[in-house]
Amino acid sequence: MTASLVPVFAALGDETRWRILAALGEGDASASALAAHFPVSRQAIAKHLSVLADVGLVEPVRVGREVRYRVVGSELSAAARRLDAIGREWEGRLAVIKEIAERL
């Protein structure tokens, strides 16, 4: 379960990729359009988009001659659900520890 999260969080571990994903949350955009909002080149943005696409967080969509990228919401939701499940497991473990500590 958690092994599949590793590539996703490795991709999101880069601040620029995180900001690109947030920007795409506002609407589809091309690498050129995104580069206008970031202090990196269009080529660097394209590489970041490739990493995000490789882990399934964004997908390219051809619009005429332009390639725009959009967020794949289902992948983000799946990652959030997996994190939530991990959180619930830890909450259960911590509740048991608390119960044991209070009995002592």
PDB file of N, CA and C in Angstrom:
ATOM      1  N   MET A   1       0.820  -1.192   0.000  1.00  0.00           N
ATOM      2  CA  MET A   1       0.000   0.000   0.000  1.00  0.00           C
ATOM      3  C   MET A   1       0.866   1.260   0.000  1.00  0.00           C
ATOM      4  N   THR A   2       1.778   1.407   0.968  1.00  0.00           N
ATOM      5  CA  THR A   2       2.584   2.621   1.050  1.00  0.00           C
ATOM      6  C   THR A   2       3.662   2.680  -0.023  1.00  0.00           C
ATOM      7  N   ALA A   3       4.064   1.525  -0.553  1.00  0.00           N
ATOM      8  CA  ALA A   3       5.098   1.537  -1.584  1.00  0.00           C
ATOM      9  C   ALA A   3       4.648   2.343  -2.797  1.00  0.00           C
ATOM     10  N   SER A   4       3.362   2.302  -3.121  1.00  0.00           N
ATOM     11  CA  SER A   4       2.879   3.041  -4.275  1.00  0.00           C
ATOM     12  C   SER A   4       2.853   4.547  -4.023  1.00  0.00           C
ATOM     13  N   LEU A   5       2.930   4.952  -2.771  1.00  0.00           N
ATOM     14  CA  LEU A   5       2.979   6.371  -2.441  1.00  0.00           C
ATOM     15  C   LEU A   5       4.367   6.970  -2.657  1.00  0.00           C
ATOM     16  N   VAL A   6       5.378   6.150  -2.607  1.00  0.00           N
ATOM     17  CA  VAL A   6       6.752   6.652  -2.673  1.00  0.00           C
ATOM     18  C   VAL A   6       7.014   7.480  -3.927  1.00  0.00           C
ATOM     19  N   PRO A   7       6.716   6.993  -5.132  1.00  0.00           N
ATOM     20  CA  PRO A   7       6.987   7.808  -6.312  1.00  0.00           C
ATOM     21  C   PRO A   7       6.162   9.099  -6.341  1.00  0.00           C
ATOM     22  N   VAL A   8       4.928   9.025  -5.854  1.00  0.00           N
ATOM     23  CA  VAL A   8       4.075  10.214  -5.832  1.00  0.00           C
ATOM     24  C   VAL A   8       4.684  11.277  -4.927  1.00  0.00           C
ATOM     25  N   PHE A   9       5.069  10.873  -3.718  1.00  0.00           N
ATOM     26  CA  PHE A   9       5.620  11.862  -2.794  1.00  0.00           C
ATOM     27  C   PHE A   9       7.034  12.283  -3.178  1.00  0.00           C
ATOM     28  N   ALA A  10       7.761  11.417  -3.859  1.00  0.00           N
ATOM     29  CA  ALA A  10       9.063  11.833  -4.382  1.00  0.00           C
ATOM     30  C   ALA A  10       8.864  12.942  -5.418  1.00  0.00           C
ATOM     31  N   ALA A  11       7.838  12.782  -6.261  1.00  0.00           N
ATOM     32  CA  ALA A  11       7.543  13.817  -7.256  1.00  0.00           C
ATOM     33  C   ALA A  11       7.093  15.101  -6.581  1.00  0.00           C
ATOM     34  N   LEU A  12       6.269  14.982  -5.557  1.00  0.00           N
ATOM     35  CA  LEU A  12       5.754  16.166  -4.872  1.00  0.00           C
ATOM     36  C   LEU A  12       6.754  16.776  -3.906  1.00  0.00           C
ATOM     37  N   GLY A  13       7.850  16.069  -3.654  1.00  0.00           N
ATOM     38  CA  GLY A  13       8.872  16.566  -2.742  1.00  0.00           C
ATOM     39  C   GLY A  13       9.644  17.760  -3.287  1.00  0.00           C
ATOM     40  N   ASP A  14       9.499  18.022  -4.558  1.00  0.00           N
ATOM     41  CA  ASP A  14      10.163  19.167  -5.172  1.00  0.00           C
ATOM     42  C   ASP A  14       9.209  20.360  -5.135  1.00  0.00           C
ATOM     43  N   GLU A  15       9.661  21.478  -4.584  1.00  0.00           N
ATOM     44  CA  GLU A  15       8.782  22.645  -4.422  1.00  0.00           C
ATOM     45  C   GLU A  15       8.234  23.162  -5.746  1.00  0.00           C
ATOM     46  N   THR A  16       9.051  23.157  -6.783  1.00  0.00           N
ATOM     47  CA  THR A  16       8.578  23.634  -8.082  1.00  0.00           C
ATOM     48  C   THR A  16       7.461  22.744  -8.609  1.00  0.00           C
ATOM     49  N   ARG A  17       7.618  21.421  -8.485  1.00  0.00           N
ATOM     50  CA  ARG A  17       6.564  20.521  -8.952  1.00  0.00           C
ATOM     51  C   ARG A  17       5.287  20.707  -8.134  1.00  0.00           C
ATOM     52  N   TRP A  18       5.443  20.926  -6.835  1.00  0.00           N
ATOM     53  CA  TRP A  18       4.281  21.161  -5.984  1.00  0.00           C
ATOM     54  C   TRP A  18       3.550  22.424  -6.441  1.00  0.00           C
ATOM     55  N   ARG A  19       4.307  23.470  -6.739  1.00  0.00           N
ATOM     56  CA  ARG A  19       3.712  24.729  -7.187  1.00  0.00           C
ATOM     57  C   ARG A  19       3.081  24.587  -8.579  1.00  0.00           C
ATOM     58  N   ILE A  20       3.703  23.807  -9.439  1.00  0.00           N
ATOM     59  CA  ILE A  20       3.124  23.547 -10.769  1.00  0.00           C
ATOM     60  C   ILE A  20       1.784  22.830 -10.605  1.00  0.00           C
ATOM     61  N   LEU A  21       1.740  21.825  -9.748  1.00  0.00           N
ATOM     62  CA  LEU A  21       0.501  21.092  -9.522  1.00  0.00           C
ATOM     63  C   LEU A  21      -0.578  22.030  -8.976  1.00  0.00           C
ATOM     64  N   ALA A  22      -0.203  22.907  -8.060  1.00  0.00           N
ATOM     65  CA  ALA A  22      -1.160  23.875  -7.510  1.00  0.00           C
ATOM     66  C   ALA A  22      -1.662  24.814  -8.612  1.00  0.00           C
ATOM     67  N   ALA A  23      -0.758  25.258  -9.473  1.00  0.00           N
ATOM     68  CA  ALA A  23      -1.150  26.145 -10.576  1.00  0.00           C
ATOM     69  C   ALA A  23      -2.102  25.432 -11.527  1.00  0.00           C
ATOM     70  N   LEU A  24      -1.836  24.164 -11.795  1.00  0.00           N
ATOM     71  CA  LEU A  24      -2.721  23.403 -12.683  1.00  0.00           C
ATOM     72  C   LEU A  24      -4.076  23.148 -12.036  1.00  0.00           C
ATOM     73  N   GLY A  25      -4.135  23.235 -10.719  1.00  0.00           N
ATOM     74  CA  GLY A  25      -5.408  23.117 -10.032  1.00  0.00           C
ATOM     75  C   GLY A  25      -6.353  24.253 -10.386  1.00  0.00           C
ATOM     76  N   GLU A  26      -5.793  25.351 -10.860  1.00  0.00           N
ATOM     77  CA  GLU A  26      -6.599  26.499 -11.271  1.00  0.00           C
ATOM     78  C   GLU A  26      -7.058  26.388 -12.720  1.00  0.00           C
ATOM     79  N   GLY A  27      -6.449  25.481 -13.469  1.00  0.00           N
ATOM     80  CA  GLY A  27      -6.846  25.273 -14.853  1.00  0.00           C
ATOM     81  C   GLY A  27      -5.724  24.674 -15.667  1.00  0.00           C
ATOM     82  N   ASP A  28      -6.081  24.031 -16.759  1.00  0.00           N
ATOM     83  CA  ASP A  28      -5.096  23.425 -17.661  1.00  0.00           C
ATOM     84  C   ASP A  28      -4.152  24.489 -18.188  1.00  0.00           C
ATOM     85  N   ALA A  29      -2.904  24.106 -18.421  1.00  0.00           N
ATOM     86  CA  ALA A  29      -1.920  25.056 -18.942  1.00  0.00           C
ATOM     87  C   ALA A  29      -0.806  24.323 -19.665  1.00  0.00           C
ATOM     88  N   SER A  30      -0.190  25.017 -20.600  1.00  0.00           N
ATOM     89  CA  SER A  30       0.966  24.466 -21.321  1.00  0.00           C
ATOM     90  C   SER A  30       2.232  24.746 -20.520  1.00  0.00           C
ATOM     91  N   ALA A  31       3.305  24.091 -20.908  1.00  0.00           N
ATOM     92  CA  ALA A  31       4.594  24.337 -20.261  1.00  0.00           C
ATOM     93  C   ALA A  31       5.007  25.796 -20.442  1.00  0.00           C
ATOM     94  N   SER A  32       4.752  26.349 -21.618  1.00  0.00           N
ATOM     95  CA  SER A  32       5.095  27.750 -21.888  1.00  0.00           C
ATOM     96  C   SER A  32       4.308  28.697 -20.988  1.00  0.00           C
ATOM     97  N   ALA A  33       3.012  28.431 -20.837  1.00  0.00           N
ATOM     98  CA  ALA A  33       2.184  29.284 -19.985  1.00  0.00           C
ATOM     99  C   ALA A  33       2.632  29.197 -18.533  1.00  0.00           C
ATOM    100  N   LEU A  34       2.974  28.004 -18.086  1.00  0.00           N
ATOM    101  CA  LEU A  34       3.447  27.835 -16.707  1.00  0.00           C
ATOM    102  C   LEU A  34       4.791  28.522 -16.495  1.00  0.00           C
ATOM    103  N   ALA A  35       5.658  28.445 -17.497  1.00  0.00           N
ATOM    104  CA  ALA A  35       6.996  29.046 -17.377  1.00  0.00           C
ATOM    105  C   ALA A  35       6.921  30.556 -17.163  1.00  0.00           C
ATOM    106  N   ALA A  36       5.852  31.171 -17.640  1.00  0.00           N
ATOM    107  CA  ALA A  36       5.694  32.617 -17.454  1.00  0.00           C
ATOM    108  C   ALA A  36       5.489  32.977 -15.986  1.00  0.00           C
ATOM    109  N   HIS A  37       5.102  32.001 -15.168  1.00  0.00           N
ATOM    110  CA  HIS A  37       4.816  32.254 -13.748  1.00  0.00           C
ATOM    111  C   HIS A  37       5.891  31.721 -12.806  1.00  0.00           C
ATOM    112  N   PHE A  38       6.921  31.099 -13.364  1.00  0.00           N
ATOM    113  CA  PHE A  38       7.962  30.502 -12.538  1.00  0.00           C
ATOM    114  C   PHE A  38       9.329  31.018 -12.960  1.00  0.00           C
ATOM    115  N   PRO A  39      10.267  31.065 -12.033  1.00  0.00           N
ATOM    116  CA  PRO A  39      11.607  31.559 -12.361  1.00  0.00           C
ATOM    117  C   PRO A  39      12.509  30.487 -12.976  1.00  0.00           C
ATOM    118  N   VAL A  40      11.917  29.604 -13.797  1.00  0.00           N
ATOM    119  CA  VAL A  40      12.691  28.566 -14.484  1.00  0.00           C
ATOM    120  C   VAL A  40      12.281  28.542 -15.951  1.00  0.00           C
ATOM    121  N   SER A  41      13.069  27.895 -16.759  1.00  0.00           N
ATOM    122  CA  SER A  41      12.813  27.860 -18.207  1.00  0.00           C
ATOM    123  C   SER A  41      11.636  26.948 -18.553  1.00  0.00           C
ATOM    124  N   ARG A  42      11.136  27.105 -19.769  1.00  0.00           N
ATOM    125  CA  ARG A  42      10.070  26.249 -20.258  1.00  0.00           C
ATOM    126  C   ARG A  42      10.537  24.797 -20.291  1.00  0.00           C
ATOM    127  N   GLN A  43      11.808  24.582 -20.646  1.00  0.00           N
ATOM    128  CA  GLN A  43      12.351  23.224 -20.688  1.00  0.00           C
ATOM    129  C   GLN A  43      12.352  22.594 -19.294  1.00  0.00           C
ATOM    130  N   ALA A  44      12.685  23.387 -18.279  1.00  0.00           N
ATOM    131  CA  ALA A  44      12.665  22.869 -16.904  1.00  0.00           C
ATOM    132  C   ALA A  44      11.233  22.535 -16.486  1.00  0.00           C
ATOM    133  N   ILE A  45      10.296  23.397 -16.848  1.00  0.00           N
ATOM    134  CA  ILE A  45       8.889  23.135 -16.543  1.00  0.00           C
ATOM    135  C   ILE A  45       8.442  21.843 -17.231  1.00  0.00           C
ATOM    136  N   ALA A  46       8.848  21.654 -18.486  1.00  0.00           N
ATOM    137  CA  ALA A  46       8.488  20.442 -19.228  1.00  0.00           C
ATOM    138  C   ALA A  46       9.025  19.193 -18.525  1.00  0.00           C
ATOM    139  N   LYS A  47      10.238  19.272 -17.987  1.00  0.00           N
ATOM    140  CA  LYS A  47      10.807  18.128 -17.259  1.00  0.00           C
ATOM    141  C   LYS A  47      10.008  17.855 -15.982  1.00  0.00           C
ATOM    142  N   HIS A  48       9.648  18.917 -15.272  1.00  0.00           N
ATOM    143  CA  HIS A  48       8.843  18.746 -14.062  1.00  0.00           C
ATOM    144  C   HIS A  48       7.479  18.135 -14.407  1.00  0.00           C
ATOM    145  N   LEU A  49       6.874  18.591 -15.490  1.00  0.00           N
ATOM    146  CA  LEU A  49       5.596  18.040 -15.924  1.00  0.00           C
ATOM    147  C   LEU A  49       5.735  16.565 -16.286  1.00  0.00           C
ATOM    148  N   SER A  50       6.845  16.204 -16.881  1.00  0.00           N
ATOM    149  CA  SER A  50       7.093  14.812 -17.235  1.00  0.00           C
ATOM    150  C   SER A  50       7.152  13.934 -15.981  1.00  0.00           C
ATOM    151  N   VAL A  51       7.811  14.420 -14.947  1.00  0.00           N
ATOM    152  CA  VAL A  51       7.882  13.671 -13.681  1.00  0.00           C
ATOM    153  C   VAL A  51       6.479  13.508 -13.093  1.00  0.00           C
ATOM    154  N   LEU A  52       5.701  14.593 -13.087  1.00  0.00           N
ATOM    155  CA  LEU A  52       4.338  14.524 -12.555  1.00  0.00           C
ATOM    156  C   LEU A  52       3.468  13.581 -13.387  1.00  0.00           C
ATOM    157  N   ALA A  53       3.663  13.581 -14.701  1.00  0.00           N
ATOM    158  CA  ALA A  53       2.897  12.685 -15.574  1.00  0.00           C
ATOM    159  C   ALA A  53       3.306  11.227 -15.352  1.00  0.00           C
ATOM    160  N   ASP A  54       4.588  10.993 -15.140  1.00  0.00           N
ATOM    161  CA  ASP A  54       5.071   9.624 -14.932  1.00  0.00           C
ATOM    162  C   ASP A  54       4.438   8.958 -13.710  1.00  0.00           C
ATOM    163  N   VAL A  55       4.097   9.751 -12.679  1.00  0.00           N
ATOM    164  CA  VAL A  55       3.469   9.175 -11.485  1.00  0.00           C
ATOM    165  C   VAL A  55       1.952   9.311 -11.526  1.00  0.00           C
ATOM    166  N   GLY A  56       1.416   9.805 -12.649  1.00  0.00           N
ATOM    167  CA  GLY A  56      -0.023   9.847 -12.842  1.00  0.00           C
ATOM    168  C   GLY A  56      -0.746  11.030 -12.234  1.00  0.00           C
ATOM    169  N   LEU A  57      -0.014  12.075 -11.834  1.00  0.00           N
ATOM    170  CA  LEU A  57      -0.668  13.223 -11.215  1.00  0.00           C
ATOM    171  C   LEU A  57      -1.170  14.245 -12.230  1.00  0.00           C
ATOM    172  N   VAL A  58      -0.566  14.274 -13.410  1.00  0.00           N
ATOM    173  CA  VAL A  58      -1.040  15.152 -14.481  1.00  0.00           C
ATOM    174  C   VAL A  58      -1.071  14.345 -15.771  1.00  0.00           C
ATOM    175  N   GLU A  59      -1.830  14.867 -16.739  1.00  0.00           N
ATOM    176  CA  GLU A  59      -1.862  14.214 -18.050  1.00  0.00           C
ATOM    177  C   GLU A  59      -1.818  15.286 -19.129  1.00  0.00           C
ATOM    178  N   PRO A  60      -1.115  14.983 -20.227  1.00  0.00           N
ATOM    179  CA  PRO A  60      -1.084  15.936 -21.343  1.00  0.00           C
ATOM    180  C   PRO A  60      -2.360  15.824 -22.175  1.00  0.00           C
ATOM    181  N   VAL A  61      -2.816  16.969 -22.652  1.00  0.00           N
ATOM    182  CA  VAL A  61      -4.008  17.013 -23.498  1.00  0.00           C
ATOM    183  C   VAL A  61      -3.687  17.916 -24.679  1.00  0.00           C
ATOM    184  N   ARG A  62      -3.793  17.383 -25.882  1.00  0.00           N
ATOM    185  CA  ARG A  62      -3.502  18.173 -27.067  1.00  0.00           C
ATOM    186  C   ARG A  62      -4.699  19.055 -27.393  1.00  0.00           C
ATOM    187  N   VAL A  63      -4.428  20.360 -27.529  1.00  0.00           N
ATOM    188  CA  VAL A  63      -5.447  21.339 -27.917  1.00  0.00           C
ATOM    189  C   VAL A  63      -4.887  22.064 -29.133  1.00  0.00           C
ATOM    190  N   GLY A  64      -5.296  21.612 -30.305  1.00  0.00           N
ATOM    191  CA  GLY A  64      -4.705  22.145 -31.533  1.00  0.00           C
ATOM    192  C   GLY A  64      -3.242  21.738 -31.602  1.00  0.00           C
ATOM    193  N   ARG A  65      -2.368  22.728 -31.766  1.00  0.00           N
ATOM    194  CA  ARG A  65      -0.923  22.451 -31.813  1.00  0.00           C
ATOM    195  C   ARG A  65      -0.282  22.491 -30.438  1.00  0.00           C
ATOM    196  N   GLU A  66      -1.048  22.891 -29.446  1.00  0.00           N
ATOM    197  CA  GLU A  66      -0.513  23.065 -28.094  1.00  0.00           C
ATOM    198  C   GLU A  66      -0.793  21.832 -27.238  1.00  0.00           C
ATOM    199  N   VAL A  67       0.152  21.535 -26.362  1.00  0.00           N
ATOM    200  CA  VAL A  67      -0.059  20.469 -25.384  1.00  0.00           C
ATOM    201  C   VAL A  67      -0.244  21.140 -24.030  1.00  0.00           C
ATOM    202  N   ARG A  68      -1.422  20.935 -23.471  1.00  0.00           N
ATOM    203  CA  ARG A  68      -1.716  21.468 -22.134  1.00  0.00           C
ATOM    204  C   ARG A  68      -1.729  20.307 -21.157  1.00  0.00           C
ATOM    205  N   TYR A  69      -1.516  20.631 -19.912  1.00  0.00           N
ATOM    206  CA  TYR A  69      -1.512  19.613 -18.865  1.00  0.00           C
ATOM    207  C   TYR A  69      -2.654  19.874 -17.915  1.00  0.00           C
ATOM    208  N   ARG A  70      -3.235  18.773 -17.442  1.00  0.00           N
ATOM    209  CA  ARG A  70      -4.309  18.878 -16.460  1.00  0.00           C
ATOM    210  C   ARG A  70      -4.030  17.928 -15.308  1.00  0.00           C
ATOM    211  N   VAL A  71      -4.534  18.295 -14.163  1.00  0.00           N
ATOM    212  CA  VAL A  71      -4.382  17.468 -12.968  1.00  0.00           C
ATOM    213  C   VAL A  71      -5.298  16.256 -13.090  1.00  0.00           C
ATOM    214  N   VAL A  72      -4.800  15.118 -12.662  1.00  0.00           N
ATOM    215  CA  VAL A  72      -5.610  13.900 -12.610  1.00  0.00           C
ATOM    216  C   VAL A  72      -6.112  13.790 -11.171  1.00  0.00           C
ATOM    217  N   GLY A  73      -7.304  14.315 -10.968  1.00  0.00           N
ATOM    218  CA  GLY A  73      -7.877  14.387  -9.621  1.00  0.00           C
ATOM    219  C   GLY A  73      -8.033  13.038  -8.956  1.00  0.00           C
ATOM    220  N   SER A  74      -8.322  12.009  -9.739  1.00  0.00           N
ATOM    221  CA  SER A  74      -8.519  10.689  -9.149  1.00  0.00           C
ATOM    222  C   SER A  74      -7.239  10.170  -8.498  1.00  0.00           C
ATOM    223  N   GLU A  75      -6.095  10.488  -9.098  1.00  0.00           N
ATOM    224  CA  GLU A  75      -4.822  10.049  -8.507  1.00  0.00           C
ATOM    225  C   GLU A  75      -4.534  10.799  -7.211  1.00  0.00           C
ATOM    226  N   LEU A  76      -4.827  12.087  -7.189  1.00  0.00           N
ATOM    227  CA  LEU A  76      -4.641  12.864  -5.958  1.00  0.00           C
ATOM    228  C   LEU A  76      -5.579  12.364  -4.868  1.00  0.00           C
ATOM    229  N   SER A  77      -6.812  12.061  -5.242  1.00  0.00           N
ATOM    230  CA  SER A  77      -7.782  11.546  -4.271  1.00  0.00           C
ATOM    231  C   SER A  77      -7.344  10.191  -3.730  1.00  0.00           C
ATOM    232  N   ALA A  78      -6.826   9.343  -4.605  1.00  0.00           N
ATOM    233  CA  ALA A  78      -6.355   8.025  -4.169  1.00  0.00           C
ATOM    234  C   ALA A  78      -5.194   8.169  -3.188  1.00  0.00           C
ATOM    235  N   ALA A  79      -4.275   9.077  -3.462  1.00  0.00           N
ATOM    236  CA  ALA A  79      -3.152   9.306  -2.545  1.00  0.00           C
ATOM    237  C   ALA A  79      -3.664   9.829  -1.207  1.00  0.00           C
ATOM    238  N   ALA A  80      -4.633  10.725  -1.245  1.00  0.00           N
ATOM    239  CA  ALA A  80      -5.207  11.265  -0.012  1.00  0.00           C
ATOM    240  C   ALA A  80      -5.888  10.173   0.799  1.00  0.00           C
ATOM    241  N   ARG A  81      -6.608   9.281   0.126  1.00  0.00           N
ATOM    242  CA  ARG A  81      -7.269   8.171   0.832  1.00  0.00           C
ATOM    243  C   ARG A  81      -6.249   7.242   1.486  1.00  0.00           C
ATOM    244  N   ARG A  82      -5.153   6.970   0.768  1.00  0.00           N
ATOM    245  CA  ARG A  82      -4.113   6.106   1.346  1.00  0.00           C
ATOM    246  C   ARG A  82      -3.479   6.755   2.559  1.00  0.00           C
ATOM    247  N   LEU A  83      -3.236   8.065   2.478  1.00  0.00           N
ATOM    248  CA  LEU A  83      -2.681   8.779   3.633  1.00  0.00           C
ATOM    249  C   LEU A  83      -3.659   8.776   4.799  1.00  0.00           C
ATOM    250  N   ASP A  84      -4.922   8.950   4.506  1.00  0.00           N
ATOM    251  CA  ASP A  84      -5.945   8.938   5.547  1.00  0.00           C
ATOM    252  C   ASP A  84      -5.980   7.584   6.239  1.00  0.00           C
ATOM    253  N   ALA A  85      -5.865   6.501   5.474  1.00  0.00           N
ATOM    254  CA  ALA A  85      -5.858   5.157   6.051  1.00  0.00           C
ATOM    255  C   ALA A  85      -4.650   4.964   6.962  1.00  0.00           C
ATOM    256  N   ILE A  86      -3.505   5.457   6.547  1.00  0.00           N
ATOM    257  CA  ILE A  86      -2.298   5.366   7.373  1.00  0.00           C
ATOM    258  C   ILE A  86      -2.514   6.155   8.661  1.00  0.00           C
ATOM    259  N   GLY A  87      -3.107   7.343   8.540  1.00  0.00           N
ATOM    260  CA  GLY A  87      -3.382   8.166   9.718  1.00  0.00           C
ATOM    261  C   GLY A  87      -4.315   7.471  10.696  1.00  0.00           C
ATOM    262  N   ARG A  88      -5.349   6.812  10.182  1.00  0.00           N
ATOM    263  CA  ARG A  88      -6.285   6.087  11.054  1.00  0.00           C
ATOM    264  C   ARG A  88      -5.585   4.939  11.778  1.00  0.00           C
ATOM    265  N   GLU A  89      -4.683   4.240  11.070  1.00  0.00           N
ATOM    266  CA  GLU A  89      -3.936   3.155  11.710  1.00  0.00           C
ATOM    267  C   GLU A  89      -3.104   3.692  12.867  1.00  0.00           C
ATOM    268  N   TRP A  90      -2.427   4.809  12.652  1.00  0.00           N
ATOM    269  CA  TRP A  90      -1.606   5.395  13.708  1.00  0.00           C
ATOM    270  C   TRP A  90      -2.454   5.904  14.865  1.00  0.00           C
ATOM    271  N   GLU A  91      -3.611   6.485  14.552  1.00  0.00           N
ATOM    272  CA  GLU A  91      -4.504   6.943  15.624  1.00  0.00           C
ATOM    273  C   GLU A  91      -4.935   5.770  16.485  1.00  0.00           C
ATOM    274  N   GLY A  92      -5.229   4.634  15.869  1.00  0.00           N
ATOM    275  CA  GLY A  92      -5.598   3.433  16.620  1.00  0.00           C
ATOM    276  C   GLY A  92      -4.462   2.958  17.509  1.00  0.00           C
ATOM    277  N   ARG A  93      -3.265   2.937  16.974  1.00  0.00           N
ATOM    278  CA  ARG A  93      -2.100   2.520  17.765  1.00  0.00           C
ATOM    279  C   ARG A  93      -1.858   3.468  18.932  1.00  0.00           C
ATOM    280  N   LEU A  94      -1.954   4.758  18.676  1.00  0.00           N
ATOM    281  CA  LEU A  94      -1.733   5.744  19.743  1.00  0.00           C
ATOM    282  C   LEU A  94      -2.816   5.654  20.811  1.00  0.00           C
ATOM    283  N   ALA A  95      -4.044   5.342  20.426  1.00  0.00           N
ATOM    284  CA  ALA A  95      -5.122   5.180  21.401  1.00  0.00           C
ATOM    285  C   ALA A  95      -4.824   4.002  22.326  1.00  0.00           C
ATOM    286  N   VAL A  96      -4.303   2.906  21.774  1.00  0.00           N
ATOM    287  CA  VAL A  96      -3.939   1.739  22.591  1.00  0.00           C
ATOM    288  C   VAL A  96      -2.816   2.103  23.548  1.00  0.00           C
ATOM    289  N   ILE A  97      -1.813   2.829  23.073  1.00  0.00           N
ATOM    290  CA  ILE A  97      -0.698   3.245  23.923  1.00  0.00           C
ATOM    291  C   ILE A  97      -1.209   4.146  25.049  1.00  0.00           C
ATOM    292  N   LYS A  98      -2.100   5.062  24.719  1.00  0.00           N
ATOM    293  CA  LYS A  98      -2.664   5.968  25.722  1.00  0.00           C
ATOM    294  C   LYS A  98      -3.424   5.175  26.775  1.00  0.00           C
ATOM    295  N   GLU A  99      -4.214   4.205  26.336  1.00  0.00           N
ATOM    296  CA  GLU A  99      -4.987   3.385  27.256  1.00  0.00           C
ATOM    297  C   GLU A  99      -4.072   2.615  28.216  1.00  0.00           C
ATOM    298  N   ILE A 100      -3.007   2.049  27.672  1.00  0.00           N
ATOM    299  CA  ILE A 100      -2.045   1.309  28.495  1.00  0.00           C
ATOM    300  C   ILE A 100      -1.377   2.252  29.487  1.00  0.00           C
ATOM    301  N   ALA A 101      -0.966   3.418  29.034  1.00  0.00           N
ATOM    302  CA  ALA A 101      -0.285   4.385  29.901  1.00  0.00           C
ATOM    303  C   ALA A 101      -1.211   4.862  31.012  1.00  0.00           C
ATOM    304  N   GLU A 102      -2.489   5.064  30.703  1.00  0.00           N
ATOM    305  CA  GLU A 102      -3.429   5.534  31.727  1.00  0.00           C
ATOM    306  C   GLU A 102      -3.724   4.467  32.760  1.00  0.00           C
ATOM    307  N   ARG A 103      -3.638   3.188  32.372  1.00  0.00           N
ATOM    308  CA  ARG A 103      -3.854   2.098  33.341  1.00  0.00           C
ATOM    309  C   ARG A 103      -2.698   1.956  34.287  1.00  0.00           C
ATOM    310  N   LEU A 104      -1.525   2.400  33.881  1.00  0.00           N
ATOM    311  CA  LEU A 104      -0.349   2.273  34.747  1.00  0.00           C
ATOM    312  C   LEU A 104      -0.425   3.347  35.761  1.00  0.00           C
TER     313      LEU A 104
END
